[in-house]
Amino acid sequence: MTLLKEYPHKSFIALHEVYESNNYVYLVLEYLKDDHLFTQLKKCVNYTESDARKIMKSILEATEHLHRNQIVHRDLKPSNILL
């Protein structure tokens, strides 16, 4: 079982299925068409405090959920945050 299935959260991408072969593991994830935070920050000329507040609130809620379950992300960065 993967952590995404064991500890779901509204801010996490949904994991639908996991398939394994002798050499590979295949994850069937929720489809998201939007960019990640890094791309959005590069495109945006004026990023408001309100925009930042909404994104940070979501990140902190998700991180708190992980920490409550004794999980550390270890690679939290703008290119790993989907909007």
PDB file of N, CA and C in Angstrom:
ATOM      1  N   MET A   1       0.857  -1.187   0.000  1.00  0.00           N
ATOM      2  CA  MET A   1       0.000   0.000   0.000  1.00  0.00           C
ATOM      3  C   MET A   1       0.895   1.240   0.000  1.00  0.00           C
ATOM      4  N   THR A   2       0.510   2.247  -0.727  1.00  0.00           N
ATOM      5  CA  THR A   2       1.311   3.473  -0.786  1.00  0.00           C
ATOM      6  C   THR A   2       0.781   4.495   0.212  1.00  0.00           C
ATOM      7  N   LEU A   3       1.610   5.451   0.539  1.00  0.00           N
ATOM      8  CA  LEU A   3       1.214   6.495   1.478  1.00  0.00           C
ATOM      9  C   LEU A   3       0.043   7.316   0.959  1.00  0.00           C
ATOM     10  N   LEU A   4      -0.023   7.532  -0.367  1.00  0.00           N
ATOM     11  CA  LEU A   4      -1.131   8.304  -0.935  1.00  0.00           C
ATOM     12  C   LEU A   4      -2.481   7.636  -0.668  1.00  0.00           C
ATOM     13  N   LYS A   5      -2.505   6.313  -0.667  1.00  0.00           N
ATOM     14  CA  LYS A   5      -3.763   5.605  -0.381  1.00  0.00           C
ATOM     15  C   LYS A   5      -4.022   5.504   1.121  1.00  0.00           C
ATOM     16  N   GLU A   6      -2.983   5.356   1.892  1.00  0.00           N
ATOM     17  CA  GLU A   6      -3.129   5.203   3.344  1.00  0.00           C
ATOM     18  C   GLU A   6      -3.522   6.504   4.042  1.00  0.00           C
ATOM     19  N   TYR A   7      -3.030   7.641   3.540  1.00  0.00           N
ATOM     20  CA  TYR A   7      -3.258   8.933   4.184  1.00  0.00           C
ATOM     21  C   TYR A   7      -3.783   9.954   3.186  1.00  0.00           C
ATOM     22  N   PRO A   8      -4.974   9.751   2.634  1.00  0.00           N
ATOM     23  CA  PRO A   8      -5.498  10.700   1.643  1.00  0.00           C
ATOM     24  C   PRO A   8      -5.747  12.084   2.246  1.00  0.00           C
ATOM     25  N   HIS A   9      -5.691  13.081   1.400  1.00  0.00           N
ATOM     26  CA  HIS A   9      -5.932  14.461   1.827  1.00  0.00           C
ATOM     27  C   HIS A   9      -6.447  15.227   0.620  1.00  0.00           C
ATOM     28  N   LYS A  10      -7.274  16.215   0.853  1.00  0.00           N
ATOM     29  CA  LYS A  10      -7.862  16.990  -0.250  1.00  0.00           C
ATOM     30  C   LYS A  10      -6.816  17.687  -1.109  1.00  0.00           C
ATOM     31  N   SER A  11      -5.631  17.932  -0.571  1.00  0.00           N
ATOM     32  CA  SER A  11      -4.576  18.622  -1.321  1.00  0.00           C
ATOM     33  C   SER A  11      -3.610  17.669  -2.015  1.00  0.00           C
ATOM     34  N   PHE A  12      -3.802  16.376  -1.848  1.00  0.00           N
ATOM     35  CA  PHE A  12      -2.912  15.407  -2.482  1.00  0.00           C
ATOM     36  C   PHE A  12      -3.537  14.913  -3.772  1.00  0.00           C
ATOM     37  N   ILE A  13      -2.706  14.639  -4.741  1.00  0.00           N
ATOM     38  CA  ILE A  13      -3.179  14.025  -5.974  1.00  0.00           C
ATOM     39  C   ILE A  13      -3.727  12.630  -5.626  1.00  0.00           C
ATOM     40  N   ALA A  14      -4.817  12.242  -6.272  1.00  0.00           N
ATOM     41  CA  ALA A  14      -5.442  10.950  -5.976  1.00  0.00           C
ATOM     42  C   ALA A  14      -4.709   9.818  -6.688  1.00  0.00           C
ATOM     43  N   LEU A  15      -4.448   8.768  -5.958  1.00  0.00           N
ATOM     44  CA  LEU A  15      -3.850   7.557  -6.518  1.00  0.00           C
ATOM     45  C   LEU A  15      -4.965   6.539  -6.696  1.00  0.00           C
ATOM     46  N   HIS A  16      -5.204   6.135  -7.944  1.00  0.00           N
ATOM     47  CA  HIS A  16      -6.309   5.218  -8.225  1.00  0.00           C
ATOM     48  C   HIS A  16      -5.882   3.759  -8.162  1.00  0.00           C
ATOM     49  N   GLU A  17      -4.771   3.433  -8.759  1.00  0.00           N
ATOM     50  CA  GLU A  17      -4.313   2.043  -8.809  1.00  0.00           C
ATOM     51  C   GLU A  17      -2.794   1.980  -8.842  1.00  0.00           C
ATOM     52  N   VAL A  18      -2.273   0.833  -8.416  1.00  0.00           N
ATOM     53  CA  VAL A  18      -0.845   0.558  -8.509  1.00  0.00           C
ATOM     54  C   VAL A  18      -0.691  -0.815  -9.159  1.00  0.00           C
ATOM     55  N   TYR A  19       0.112  -0.879 -10.212  1.00  0.00           N
ATOM     56  CA  TYR A  19       0.403  -2.137 -10.894  1.00  0.00           C
ATOM     57  C   TYR A  19       1.901  -2.371 -10.859  1.00  0.00           C
ATOM     58  N   GLU A  20       2.277  -3.616 -10.616  1.00  0.00           N
ATOM     59  CA  GLU A  20       3.695  -3.943 -10.575  1.00  0.00           C
ATOM     60  C   GLU A  20       4.011  -5.059 -11.560  1.00  0.00           C
ATOM     61  N   SER A  21       5.150  -4.908 -12.234  1.00  0.00           N
ATOM     62  CA  SER A  21       5.686  -5.983 -13.062  1.00  0.00           C
ATOM     63  C   SER A  21       7.009  -6.394 -12.427  1.00  0.00           C
ATOM     64  N   ASN A  22       7.736  -7.249 -13.090  1.00  0.00           N
ATOM     65  CA  ASN A  22       9.029  -7.674 -12.542  1.00  0.00           C
ATOM     66  C   ASN A  22      10.019  -6.522 -12.439  1.00  0.00           C
ATOM     67  N   ASN A  23       9.890  -5.550 -13.350  1.00  0.00           N
ATOM     68  CA  ASN A  23      10.881  -4.476 -13.407  1.00  0.00           C
ATOM     69  C   ASN A  23      10.349  -3.086 -13.099  1.00  0.00           C
ATOM     70  N   TYR A  24       9.026  -2.919 -13.101  1.00  0.00           N
ATOM     71  CA  TYR A  24       8.464  -1.575 -12.983  1.00  0.00           C
ATOM     72  C   TYR A  24       7.284  -1.530 -12.027  1.00  0.00           C
ATOM     73  N   VAL A  25       7.045  -0.336 -11.531  1.00  0.00           N
ATOM     74  CA  VAL A  25       5.837  -0.047 -10.761  1.00  0.00           C
ATOM     75  C   VAL A  25       5.096   1.044 -11.521  1.00  0.00           C
ATOM     76  N   TYR A  26       3.817   0.822 -11.795  1.00  0.00           N
ATOM     77  CA  TYR A  26       2.998   1.779 -12.538  1.00  0.00           C
ATOM     78  C   TYR A  26       1.958   2.374 -11.596  1.00  0.00           C
ATOM     79  N   LEU A  27       1.881   3.699 -11.581  1.00  0.00           N
ATOM     80  CA  LEU A  27       0.907   4.399 -10.753  1.00  0.00           C
ATOM     81  C   LEU A  27      -0.139   5.036 -11.654  1.00  0.00           C
ATOM     82  N   VAL A  28      -1.405   4.808 -11.345  1.00  0.00           N
ATOM     83  CA  VAL A  28      -2.488   5.461 -12.062  1.00  0.00           C
ATOM     84  C   VAL A  28      -2.957   6.599 -11.163  1.00  0.00           C
ATOM     85  N   LEU A  29      -2.629   7.827 -11.585  1.00  0.00           N
ATOM     86  CA  LEU A  29      -2.902   9.012 -10.778  1.00  0.00           C
ATOM     87  C   LEU A  29      -4.031   9.831 -11.379  1.00  0.00           C
ATOM     88  N   GLU A  30      -4.592  10.674 -10.547  1.00  0.00           N
ATOM     89  CA  GLU A  30      -5.588  11.648 -10.985  1.00  0.00           C
ATOM     90  C   GLU A  30      -4.970  12.539 -12.055  1.00  0.00           C
ATOM     91  N   TYR A  31      -5.744  12.852 -13.082  1.00  0.00           N
ATOM     92  CA  TYR A  31      -5.263  13.740 -14.141  1.00  0.00           C
ATOM     93  C   TYR A  31      -5.429  15.186 -13.700  1.00  0.00           C
ATOM     94  N   LEU A  32      -4.348  15.948 -13.790  1.00  0.00           N
ATOM     95  CA  LEU A  32      -4.374  17.374 -13.485  1.00  0.00           C
ATOM     96  C   LEU A  32      -3.787  18.118 -14.663  1.00  0.00           C
ATOM     97  N   LYS A  33      -4.543  19.055 -15.207  1.00  0.00           N
ATOM     98  CA  LYS A  33      -4.079  19.764 -16.397  1.00  0.00           C
ATOM     99  C   LYS A  33      -3.309  21.038 -16.085  1.00  0.00           C
ATOM    100  N   ASP A  34      -3.381  21.521 -14.880  1.00  0.00           N
ATOM    101  CA  ASP A  34      -2.747  22.792 -14.543  1.00  0.00           C
ATOM    102  C   ASP A  34      -1.246  22.641 -14.314  1.00  0.00           C
ATOM    103  N   ASP A  35      -0.560  23.776 -14.297  1.00  0.00           N
ATOM    104  CA  ASP A  35       0.882  23.813 -14.083  1.00  0.00           C
ATOM    105  C   ASP A  35       1.235  23.648 -12.610  1.00  0.00           C
ATOM    106  N   HIS A  36       2.511  23.487 -12.392  1.00  0.00           N
ATOM    107  CA  HIS A  36       2.992  23.485 -11.014  1.00  0.00           C
ATOM    108  C   HIS A  36       3.361  24.909 -10.612  1.00  0.00           C
ATOM    109  N   LEU A  37       3.568  25.107  -9.343  1.00  0.00           N
ATOM    110  CA  LEU A  37       3.807  26.435  -8.782  1.00  0.00           C
ATOM    111  C   LEU A  37       5.016  27.124  -9.426  1.00  0.00           C
ATOM    112  N   PHE A  38       6.079  26.393  -9.685  1.00  0.00           N
ATOM    113  CA  PHE A  38       7.285  26.987 -10.253  1.00  0.00           C
ATOM    114  C   PHE A  38       6.983  27.676 -11.590  1.00  0.00           C
ATOM    115  N   THR A  39       6.255  26.985 -12.473  1.00  0.00           N
ATOM    116  CA  THR A  39       5.896  27.550 -13.777  1.00  0.00           C
ATOM    117  C   THR A  39       5.014  28.775 -13.613  1.00  0.00           C
ATOM    118  N   GLN A  40       4.055  28.706 -12.703  1.00  0.00           N
ATOM    119  CA  GLN A  40       3.164  29.834 -12.478  1.00  0.00           C
ATOM    120  C   GLN A  40       3.916  31.047 -11.938  1.00  0.00           C
ATOM    121  N   LEU A  41       4.861  30.826 -11.068  1.00  0.00           N
ATOM    122  CA  LEU A  41       5.649  31.943 -10.522  1.00  0.00           C
ATOM    123  C   LEU A  41       6.497  32.604 -11.606  1.00  0.00           C
ATOM    124  N   LYS A  42       7.020  31.821 -12.544  1.00  0.00           N
ATOM    125  CA  LYS A  42       7.812  32.390 -13.637  1.00  0.00           C
ATOM    126  C   LYS A  42       6.949  33.205 -14.592  1.00  0.00           C
ATOM    127  N   LYS A  43       5.698  32.781 -14.799  1.00  0.00           N
ATOM    128  CA  LYS A  43       4.790  33.472 -15.725  1.00  0.00           C
ATOM    129  C   LYS A  43       4.198  34.745 -15.124  1.00  0.00           C
ATOM    130  N   CYS A  44       3.995  34.752 -13.832  1.00  0.00           N
ATOM    131  CA  CYS A  44       3.249  35.813 -13.170  1.00  0.00           C
ATOM    132  C   CYS A  44       4.114  37.059 -12.945  1.00  0.00           C
ATOM    133  N   VAL A  45       3.596  38.192 -13.353  1.00  0.00           N
ATOM    134  CA  VAL A  45       4.295  39.455 -13.143  1.00  0.00           C
ATOM    135  C   VAL A  45       3.992  39.994 -11.747  1.00  0.00           C
ATOM    136  N   ASN A  46       2.724  39.997 -11.385  1.00  0.00           N
ATOM    137  CA  ASN A  46       2.300  40.484 -10.071  1.00  0.00           C
ATOM    138  C   ASN A  46       1.627  39.366  -9.293  1.00  0.00           C
ATOM    139  N   TYR A  47       2.324  38.855  -8.324  1.00  0.00           N
ATOM    140  CA  TYR A  47       1.776  37.824  -7.456  1.00  0.00           C
ATOM    141  C   TYR A  47       1.335  38.517  -6.178  1.00  0.00           C
ATOM    142  N   THR A  48       0.056  38.438  -5.866  1.00  0.00           N
ATOM    143  CA  THR A  48      -0.456  39.184  -4.723  1.00  0.00           C
ATOM    144  C   THR A  48      -0.251  38.423  -3.415  1.00  0.00           C
ATOM    145  N   GLU A  49      -0.334  39.156  -2.336  1.00  0.00           N
ATOM    146  CA  GLU A  49      -0.256  38.544  -1.016  1.00  0.00           C
ATOM    147  C   GLU A  49      -1.412  37.565  -0.833  1.00  0.00           C
ATOM    148  N   SER A  50      -2.567  37.903  -1.362  1.00  0.00           N
ATOM    149  CA  SER A  50      -3.733  37.020  -1.277  1.00  0.00           C
ATOM    150  C   SER A  50      -3.484  35.694  -1.998  1.00  0.00           C
ATOM    151  N   ASP A  51      -2.872  35.763  -3.179  1.00  0.00           N
ATOM    152  CA  ASP A  51      -2.523  34.541  -3.920  1.00  0.00           C
ATOM    153  C   ASP A  51      -1.576  33.672  -3.096  1.00  0.00           C
ATOM    154  N   ALA A  52      -0.552  34.286  -2.569  1.00  0.00           N
ATOM    155  CA  ALA A  52       0.444  33.562  -1.773  1.00  0.00           C
ATOM    156  C   ALA A  52      -0.187  32.954  -0.523  1.00  0.00           C
ATOM    157  N   ARG A  53      -1.096  33.706   0.106  1.00  0.00           N
ATOM    158  CA  ARG A  53      -1.756  33.225   1.320  1.00  0.00           C
ATOM    159  C   ARG A  53      -2.546  31.947   1.043  1.00  0.00           C
ATOM    160  N   LYS A  54      -3.290  31.915  -0.061  1.00  0.00           N
ATOM    161  CA  LYS A  54      -4.100  30.736  -0.408  1.00  0.00           C
ATOM    162  C   LYS A  54      -3.223  29.513  -0.658  1.00  0.00           C
ATOM    163  N   ILE A  55      -2.156  29.724  -1.405  1.00  0.00           N
ATOM    164  CA  ILE A  55      -1.272  28.602  -1.724  1.00  0.00           C
ATOM    165  C   ILE A  55      -0.554  28.112  -0.472  1.00  0.00           C
ATOM    166  N   MET A  56      -0.037  29.027   0.331  1.00  0.00           N
ATOM    167  CA  MET A  56       0.666  28.635   1.555  1.00  0.00           C
ATOM    168  C   MET A  56      -0.254  27.922   2.536  1.00  0.00           C
ATOM    169  N   LYS A  57      -1.494  28.362   2.620  1.00  0.00           N
ATOM    170  CA  LYS A  57      -2.454  27.701   3.512  1.00  0.00           C
ATOM    171  C   LYS A  57      -2.643  26.247   3.106  1.00  0.00           C
ATOM    172  N   SER A  58      -2.793  26.008   1.826  1.00  0.00           N
ATOM    173  CA  SER A  58      -2.960  24.649   1.325  1.00  0.00           C
ATOM    174  C   SER A  58      -1.713  23.800   1.569  1.00  0.00           C
ATOM    175  N   ILE A  59      -0.547  24.369   1.312  1.00  0.00           N
ATOM    176  CA  ILE A  59       0.712  23.649   1.534  1.00  0.00           C
ATOM    177  C   ILE A  59       0.885  23.302   3.004  1.00  0.00           C
ATOM    178  N   LEU A  60       0.609  24.266   3.866  1.00  0.00           N
ATOM    179  CA  LEU A  60       0.780  24.027   5.308  1.00  0.00           C
ATOM    180  C   LEU A  60      -0.222  23.018   5.848  1.00  0.00           C
ATOM    181  N   GLU A  61      -1.452  23.042   5.361  1.00  0.00           N
ATOM    182  CA  GLU A  61      -2.448  22.046   5.786  1.00  0.00           C
ATOM    183  C   GLU A  61      -2.027  20.641   5.361  1.00  0.00           C
ATOM    184  N   ALA A  62      -1.533  20.516   4.138  1.00  0.00           N
ATOM    185  CA  ALA A  62      -1.084  19.211   3.654  1.00  0.00           C
ATOM    186  C   ALA A  62       0.144  18.734   4.432  1.00  0.00           C
ATOM    187  N   THR A  63       1.077  19.640   4.685  1.00  0.00           N
ATOM    188  CA  THR A  63       2.275  19.285   5.449  1.00  0.00           C
ATOM    189  C   THR A  63       1.921  18.890   6.874  1.00  0.00           C
ATOM    190  N   GLU A  64       0.993  19.607   7.478  1.00  0.00           N
ATOM    191  CA  GLU A  64       0.540  19.257   8.833  1.00  0.00           C
ATOM    192  C   GLU A  64      -0.068  17.858   8.846  1.00  0.00           C
ATOM    193  N   HIS A  65      -0.860  17.541   7.833  1.00  0.00           N
ATOM    194  CA  HIS A  65      -1.469  16.206   7.724  1.00  0.00           C
ATOM    195  C   HIS A  65      -0.376  15.132   7.674  1.00  0.00           C
ATOM    196  N   LEU A  66       0.657  15.371   6.879  1.00  0.00           N
ATOM    197  CA  LEU A  66       1.763  14.420   6.807  1.00  0.00           C
ATOM    198  C   LEU A  66       2.459  14.274   8.160  1.00  0.00           C
ATOM    199  N   HIS A  67       2.764  15.384   8.790  1.00  0.00           N
ATOM    200  CA  HIS A  67       3.492  15.350  10.063  1.00  0.00           C
ATOM    201  C   HIS A  67       2.679  14.671  11.159  1.00  0.00           C
ATOM    202  N   ARG A  68       1.363  14.880  11.165  1.00  0.00           N
ATOM    203  CA  ARG A  68       0.505  14.195  12.147  1.00  0.00           C
ATOM    204  C   ARG A  68       0.582  12.677  11.987  1.00  0.00           C
ATOM    205  N   ASN A  69       0.899  12.232  10.774  1.00  0.00           N
ATOM    206  CA  ASN A  69       1.002  10.803  10.490  1.00  0.00           C
ATOM    207  C   ASN A  69       2.448  10.320  10.419  1.00  0.00           C
ATOM    208  N   GLN A  70       3.352  11.108  11.009  1.00  0.00           N
ATOM    209  CA  GLN A  70       4.773  10.758  11.100  1.00  0.00           C
ATOM    210  C   GLN A  70       5.430  10.575   9.723  1.00  0.00           C
ATOM    211  N   ILE A  71       5.043  11.428   8.756  1.00  0.00           N
ATOM    212  CA  ILE A  71       5.604  11.382   7.406  1.00  0.00           C
ATOM    213  C   ILE A  71       6.287  12.714   7.119  1.00  0.00           C
ATOM    214  N   VAL A  72       7.469  12.657   6.519  1.00  0.00           N
ATOM    215  CA  VAL A  72       8.199  13.846   6.111  1.00  0.00           C
ATOM    216  C   VAL A  72       8.285  13.831   4.589  1.00  0.00           C
ATOM    217  N   HIS A  73       7.999  14.943   3.940  1.00  0.00           N
ATOM    218  CA  HIS A  73       7.981  14.989   2.468  1.00  0.00           C
ATOM    219  C   HIS A  73       9.381  14.884   1.869  1.00  0.00           C
ATOM    220  N   ARG A  74      10.336  15.635   2.351  1.00  0.00           N
ATOM    221  CA  ARG A  74      11.746  15.625   1.946  1.00  0.00           C
ATOM    222  C   ARG A  74      12.050  16.232   0.585  1.00  0.00           C
ATOM    223  N   ASP A  75      11.042  16.634  -0.177  1.00  0.00           N
ATOM    224  CA  ASP A  75      11.329  17.275  -1.473  1.00  0.00           C
ATOM    225  C   ASP A  75      10.250  18.308  -1.791  1.00  0.00           C
ATOM    226  N   LEU A  76       9.941  19.117  -0.813  1.00  0.00           N
ATOM    227  CA  LEU A  76       8.910  20.141  -0.965  1.00  0.00           C
ATOM    228  C   LEU A  76       9.526  21.364  -1.644  1.00  0.00           C
ATOM    229  N   LYS A  77       9.095  21.612  -2.885  1.00  0.00           N
ATOM    230  CA  LYS A  77       9.614  22.743  -3.660  1.00  0.00           C
ATOM    231  C   LYS A  77       8.550  23.148  -4.681  1.00  0.00           C
ATOM    232  N   PRO A  78       8.637  24.358  -5.221  1.00  0.00           N
ATOM    233  CA  PRO A  78       7.605  24.845  -6.140  1.00  0.00           C
ATOM    234  C   PRO A  78       7.336  23.933  -7.337  1.00  0.00           C
ATOM    235  N   SER A  79       8.337  23.232  -7.843  1.00  0.00           N
ATOM    236  CA  SER A  79       8.100  22.366  -8.996  1.00  0.00           C
ATOM    237  C   SER A  79       7.379  21.061  -8.609  1.00  0.00           C
ATOM    238  N   ASN A  80       7.216  20.796  -7.312  1.00  0.00           N
ATOM    239  CA  ASN A  80       6.466  19.624  -6.863  1.00  0.00           C
ATOM    240  C   ASN A  80       5.082  19.978  -6.326  1.00  0.00           C
ATOM    241  N   ILE A  81       4.683  21.220  -6.497  1.00  0.00           N
ATOM    242  CA  ILE A  81       3.366  21.659  -6.021  1.00  0.00           C
ATOM    243  C   ILE A  81       2.507  21.980  -7.229  1.00  0.00           C
ATOM    244  N   LEU A  82       1.474  21.166  -7.443  1.00  0.00           N
ATOM    245  CA  LEU A  82       0.564  21.361  -8.557  1.00  0.00           C
ATOM    246  C   LEU A  82      -0.547  22.303  -8.139  1.00  0.00           C
ATOM    247  N   LEU A  83      -0.911  23.188  -9.058  1.00  0.00           N
ATOM    248  CA  LEU A  83      -1.986  24.137  -8.765  1.00  0.00           C
ATOM    249  C   LEU A  83      -3.264  23.731  -9.460  1.00  0.00           C
TER     250      LEU A  83
END
